[in-house]
């Protein structure tokens, strides 16, 4: 998956979803209800959606700001909020 294609998919998600829907999506991936998405939780979720390991790794690189192998709610929200406003509408 090309980086530009991946970012456009992420932009499309952000444009179509309200903040509440994005929070629900985060919680759907965070199976342990810990407020953090582990790499294993992300992998399981994306594999069920038929995404491959390359997509999982790109998703992690994009959202995991401190590179600790986990995505916090704050990292998730900050990444989505960086999508230009024009792409959200």
N, C-alpha and C. Protein backbone atom coordinates (compact mmCIF):
# COMPACT_ATOMS: atom_id res chain seq x y z
N UNK A 1 0.86 -1.18 0.00
CA UNK A 1 0.00 0.00 0.00
C UNK A 1 0.90 1.24 0.00
N UNK A 2 0.69 2.10 -0.95
CA UNK A 2 1.47 3.33 -1.02
C UNK A 2 1.10 4.24 0.14
N UNK A 3 2.07 5.01 0.61
CA UNK A 3 1.84 5.90 1.74
C UNK A 3 0.70 6.88 1.44
N UNK A 4 0.66 7.43 0.23
CA UNK A 4 -0.39 8.39 -0.11
C UNK A 4 -1.76 7.72 -0.10
N UNK A 5 -1.83 6.48 -0.56
CA UNK A 5 -3.10 5.74 -0.55
C UNK A 5 -3.54 5.48 0.89
N UNK A 6 -2.60 5.11 1.73
CA UNK A 6 -2.91 4.84 3.14
C UNK A 6 -3.45 6.10 3.80
N UNK A 7 -2.76 7.24 3.59
CA UNK A 7 -3.21 8.49 4.20
C UNK A 7 -4.56 8.92 3.65
N UNK A 8 -4.83 8.66 2.38
CA UNK A 8 -6.13 9.02 1.83
C UNK A 8 -7.23 8.16 2.45
N UNK A 9 -6.94 6.90 2.74
CA UNK A 9 -7.92 6.04 3.42
C UNK A 9 -8.20 6.58 4.82
N UNK A 10 -7.16 6.99 5.52
CA UNK A 10 -7.31 7.54 6.86
C UNK A 10 -8.10 8.84 6.80
N UNK A 11 -7.82 9.67 5.80
CA UNK A 11 -8.56 10.92 5.63
C UNK A 11 -10.03 10.65 5.36
N UNK A 12 -10.31 9.63 4.57
CA UNK A 12 -11.69 9.29 4.26
C UNK A 12 -12.43 8.85 5.52
N UNK A 13 -11.76 8.09 6.36
CA UNK A 13 -12.36 7.66 7.63
C UNK A 13 -12.71 8.88 8.47
N UNK A 14 -11.77 9.80 8.58
CA UNK A 14 -11.98 11.00 9.39
C UNK A 14 -13.10 11.86 8.81
N UNK A 15 -13.17 11.98 7.50
CA UNK A 15 -14.17 12.83 6.87
C UNK A 15 -15.59 12.27 7.05
N UNK A 16 -15.72 10.95 7.09
CA UNK A 16 -17.04 10.33 7.15
C UNK A 16 -17.54 10.14 8.57
N UNK A 17 -16.68 10.25 9.54
CA UNK A 17 -17.07 9.88 10.90
C UNK A 17 -17.09 11.08 11.83
N UNK A 18 -18.06 11.09 12.71
CA UNK A 18 -18.12 12.11 13.76
C UNK A 18 -17.11 11.74 14.85
N UNK A 19 -16.86 12.68 15.75
CA UNK A 19 -15.94 12.40 16.85
C UNK A 19 -16.44 11.22 17.68
N UNK A 20 -17.74 11.14 17.87
CA UNK A 20 -18.31 10.03 18.65
C UNK A 20 -18.09 8.70 17.94
N UNK A 21 -18.26 8.69 16.62
CA UNK A 21 -18.05 7.46 15.86
C UNK A 21 -16.59 7.03 15.90
N UNK A 22 -15.68 8.01 15.87
CA UNK A 22 -14.26 7.69 15.95
C UNK A 22 -13.91 7.12 17.31
N UNK A 23 -14.52 7.66 18.36
CA UNK A 23 -14.30 7.12 19.70
C UNK A 23 -14.85 5.69 19.80
N UNK A 24 -15.98 5.45 19.20
CA UNK A 24 -16.55 4.10 19.19
C UNK A 24 -15.63 3.14 18.43
N UNK A 25 -15.03 3.63 17.33
CA UNK A 25 -14.10 2.79 16.56
C UNK A 25 -12.88 2.44 17.41
N UNK A 26 -12.35 3.44 18.13
CA UNK A 26 -11.20 3.19 19.01
C UNK A 26 -11.56 2.12 20.03
N UNK A 27 -12.72 2.27 20.63
CA UNK A 27 -13.15 1.31 21.67
C UNK A 27 -13.40 -0.08 21.10
N UNK A 28 -13.83 -0.15 19.84
CA UNK A 28 -14.04 -1.45 19.21
C UNK A 28 -12.72 -2.20 19.04
N UNK A 29 -11.65 -1.46 18.78
CA UNK A 29 -10.34 -2.08 18.61
C UNK A 29 -9.73 -2.41 19.97
N UNK A 30 -9.95 -1.54 20.96
CA UNK A 30 -9.40 -1.70 22.31
C UNK A 30 -10.24 -2.73 23.08
N UNK A 31 -10.04 -3.99 22.76
CA UNK A 31 -10.85 -5.07 23.34
C UNK A 31 -10.69 -5.19 24.86
N UNK A 32 -9.53 -4.82 25.38
CA UNK A 32 -9.29 -4.93 26.81
C UNK A 32 -9.83 -3.75 27.61
N UNK A 33 -10.42 -2.76 26.92
CA UNK A 33 -10.95 -1.56 27.58
C UNK A 33 -9.91 -0.87 28.45
N UNK A 34 -8.68 -0.82 27.94
CA UNK A 34 -7.59 -0.23 28.71
C UNK A 34 -7.32 1.23 28.35
N UNK A 35 -7.97 1.72 27.28
CA UNK A 35 -7.69 3.07 26.80
C UNK A 35 -6.47 3.11 25.90
N UNK A 36 -5.96 1.93 25.57
CA UNK A 36 -4.77 1.80 24.71
C UNK A 36 -5.03 0.65 23.74
N UNK A 37 -4.68 0.86 22.48
CA UNK A 37 -4.78 -0.21 21.50
C UNK A 37 -3.39 -0.84 21.38
N UNK A 38 -3.30 -2.11 21.72
CA UNK A 38 -2.03 -2.82 21.57
C UNK A 38 -1.85 -3.22 20.11
N UNK A 39 -0.62 -3.53 19.75
CA UNK A 39 -0.34 -3.99 18.38
C UNK A 39 -1.14 -5.26 18.09
N UNK A 40 -1.28 -6.14 19.06
CA UNK A 40 -2.03 -7.38 18.86
C UNK A 40 -3.52 -7.10 18.65
N UNK A 41 -4.08 -6.16 19.41
CA UNK A 41 -5.49 -5.80 19.24
C UNK A 41 -5.72 -5.20 17.85
N UNK A 42 -4.82 -4.31 17.45
CA UNK A 42 -4.93 -3.69 16.14
C UNK A 42 -4.83 -4.73 15.04
N UNK A 43 -3.86 -5.61 15.16
CA UNK A 43 -3.65 -6.67 14.17
C UNK A 43 -4.90 -7.55 14.05
N UNK A 44 -5.45 -7.98 15.16
CA UNK A 44 -6.64 -8.84 15.14
C UNK A 44 -7.81 -8.12 14.48
N UNK A 45 -8.00 -6.86 14.83
CA UNK A 45 -9.10 -6.08 14.25
C UNK A 45 -8.92 -5.92 12.74
N UNK A 46 -7.74 -5.52 12.32
CA UNK A 46 -7.51 -5.27 10.90
C UNK A 46 -7.49 -6.56 10.08
N UNK A 47 -6.99 -7.64 10.66
CA UNK A 47 -7.03 -8.92 9.95
C UNK A 47 -8.47 -9.35 9.69
N UNK A 48 -9.35 -9.11 10.66
CA UNK A 48 -10.77 -9.45 10.47
C UNK A 48 -11.37 -8.63 9.34
N UNK A 49 -10.84 -7.45 9.12
CA UNK A 49 -11.30 -6.57 8.03
C UNK A 49 -10.57 -6.87 6.73
N UNK A 50 -9.74 -7.91 6.75
CA UNK A 50 -8.98 -8.40 5.59
C UNK A 50 -7.84 -7.49 5.16
N UNK A 51 -7.29 -6.73 6.11
CA UNK A 51 -6.07 -5.96 5.84
C UNK A 51 -4.88 -6.84 6.14
N UNK A 52 -3.77 -6.58 5.45
CA UNK A 52 -2.58 -7.40 5.63
C UNK A 52 -1.62 -6.77 6.65
N UNK A 53 -0.53 -7.47 6.91
CA UNK A 53 0.45 -7.01 7.90
C UNK A 53 1.09 -5.69 7.51
N UNK A 54 1.28 -5.47 6.24
CA UNK A 54 1.85 -4.20 5.79
C UNK A 54 0.96 -3.03 6.20
N UNK A 55 -0.34 -3.20 6.05
CA UNK A 55 -1.28 -2.16 6.46
C UNK A 55 -1.22 -1.96 7.98
N UNK A 56 -1.15 -3.05 8.73
CA UNK A 56 -1.06 -2.96 10.19
C UNK A 56 0.17 -2.13 10.58
N UNK A 57 1.31 -2.42 9.97
CA UNK A 57 2.55 -1.71 10.30
C UNK A 57 2.46 -0.23 9.94
N UNK A 58 1.85 0.08 8.80
CA UNK A 58 1.69 1.49 8.41
C UNK A 58 0.75 2.22 9.37
N UNK A 59 -0.30 1.56 9.78
CA UNK A 59 -1.25 2.13 10.74
C UNK A 59 -0.52 2.42 12.05
N UNK A 60 0.26 1.46 12.51
CA UNK A 60 1.02 1.67 13.74
C UNK A 60 1.99 2.84 13.62
N UNK A 61 2.73 2.90 12.51
CA UNK A 61 3.69 4.00 12.33
C UNK A 61 3.00 5.35 12.30
N UNK A 62 1.81 5.41 11.71
CA UNK A 62 1.09 6.67 11.63
C UNK A 62 0.53 7.11 12.98
N UNK A 63 -0.07 6.18 13.71
CA UNK A 63 -0.78 6.54 14.94
C UNK A 63 0.06 6.44 16.21
N UNK A 64 1.03 5.57 16.24
CA UNK A 64 1.85 5.35 17.45
C UNK A 64 2.97 6.39 17.49
N UNK A 65 2.66 7.53 18.04
CA UNK A 65 3.56 8.68 18.00
C UNK A 65 4.87 8.47 18.75
N UNK A 66 4.84 7.76 19.87
CA UNK A 66 6.07 7.58 20.65
C UNK A 66 6.73 6.23 20.37
N UNK A 67 6.19 5.50 19.42
CA UNK A 67 6.79 4.23 18.95
C UNK A 67 6.99 3.20 20.06
N UNK A 68 5.98 3.10 20.94
CA UNK A 68 6.06 2.11 22.02
C UNK A 68 5.24 0.85 21.71
N UNK A 69 4.70 0.77 20.49
CA UNK A 69 3.94 -0.41 20.10
C UNK A 69 2.49 -0.37 20.53
N UNK A 70 2.03 0.77 21.03
CA UNK A 70 0.65 0.94 21.47
C UNK A 70 0.12 2.27 20.95
N UNK A 71 -1.18 2.36 20.79
CA UNK A 71 -1.82 3.60 20.38
C UNK A 71 -2.74 4.05 21.50
N UNK A 72 -2.42 5.17 22.09
CA UNK A 72 -3.29 5.72 23.13
C UNK A 72 -4.43 6.49 22.46
N UNK A 73 -5.47 6.75 23.23
CA UNK A 73 -6.58 7.54 22.70
C UNK A 73 -6.07 8.92 22.27
N UNK A 74 -5.17 9.49 23.04
CA UNK A 74 -4.61 10.80 22.71
C UNK A 74 -3.85 10.75 21.37
N UNK A 75 -3.03 9.72 21.17
CA UNK A 75 -2.30 9.58 19.91
C UNK A 75 -3.28 9.43 18.74
N UNK A 76 -4.30 8.63 18.94
CA UNK A 76 -5.32 8.39 17.93
C UNK A 76 -6.02 9.69 17.54
N UNK A 77 -6.47 10.44 18.55
CA UNK A 77 -7.16 11.70 18.29
C UNK A 77 -6.24 12.73 17.66
N UNK A 78 -5.02 12.84 18.16
CA UNK A 78 -4.08 13.81 17.60
C UNK A 78 -3.78 13.53 16.13
N UNK A 79 -3.61 12.28 15.79
CA UNK A 79 -3.33 11.91 14.40
C UNK A 79 -4.52 12.27 13.52
N UNK A 80 -5.71 11.93 13.95
CA UNK A 80 -6.89 12.23 13.15
C UNK A 80 -7.13 13.73 13.05
N UNK A 81 -6.80 14.48 14.08
CA UNK A 81 -7.00 15.93 14.05
C UNK A 81 -6.01 16.65 13.15
N UNK A 82 -4.93 15.98 12.75
CA UNK A 82 -3.95 16.61 11.86
C UNK A 82 -4.38 16.56 10.40
N UNK A 83 -5.42 15.82 10.11
CA UNK A 83 -5.92 15.76 8.74
C UNK A 83 -6.47 17.13 8.41
N UNK A 84 -6.04 17.72 7.31
CA UNK A 84 -6.50 19.07 6.97
C UNK A 84 -8.01 19.16 6.96
N UNK A 85 -8.52 20.30 7.46
CA UNK A 85 -9.96 20.52 7.59
C UNK A 85 -10.67 20.30 6.25
N UNK A 86 -10.07 20.70 5.17
CA UNK A 86 -10.71 20.55 3.86
C UNK A 86 -10.96 19.08 3.53
N UNK A 87 -10.10 18.21 4.00
CA UNK A 87 -10.28 16.78 3.72
C UNK A 87 -11.33 16.16 4.63
N UNK A 88 -11.68 16.82 5.72
CA UNK A 88 -12.67 16.28 6.65
C UNK A 88 -14.10 16.55 6.19
N UNK A 89 -14.27 17.51 5.30
CA UNK A 89 -15.63 17.91 4.90
C UNK A 89 -16.08 17.19 3.67
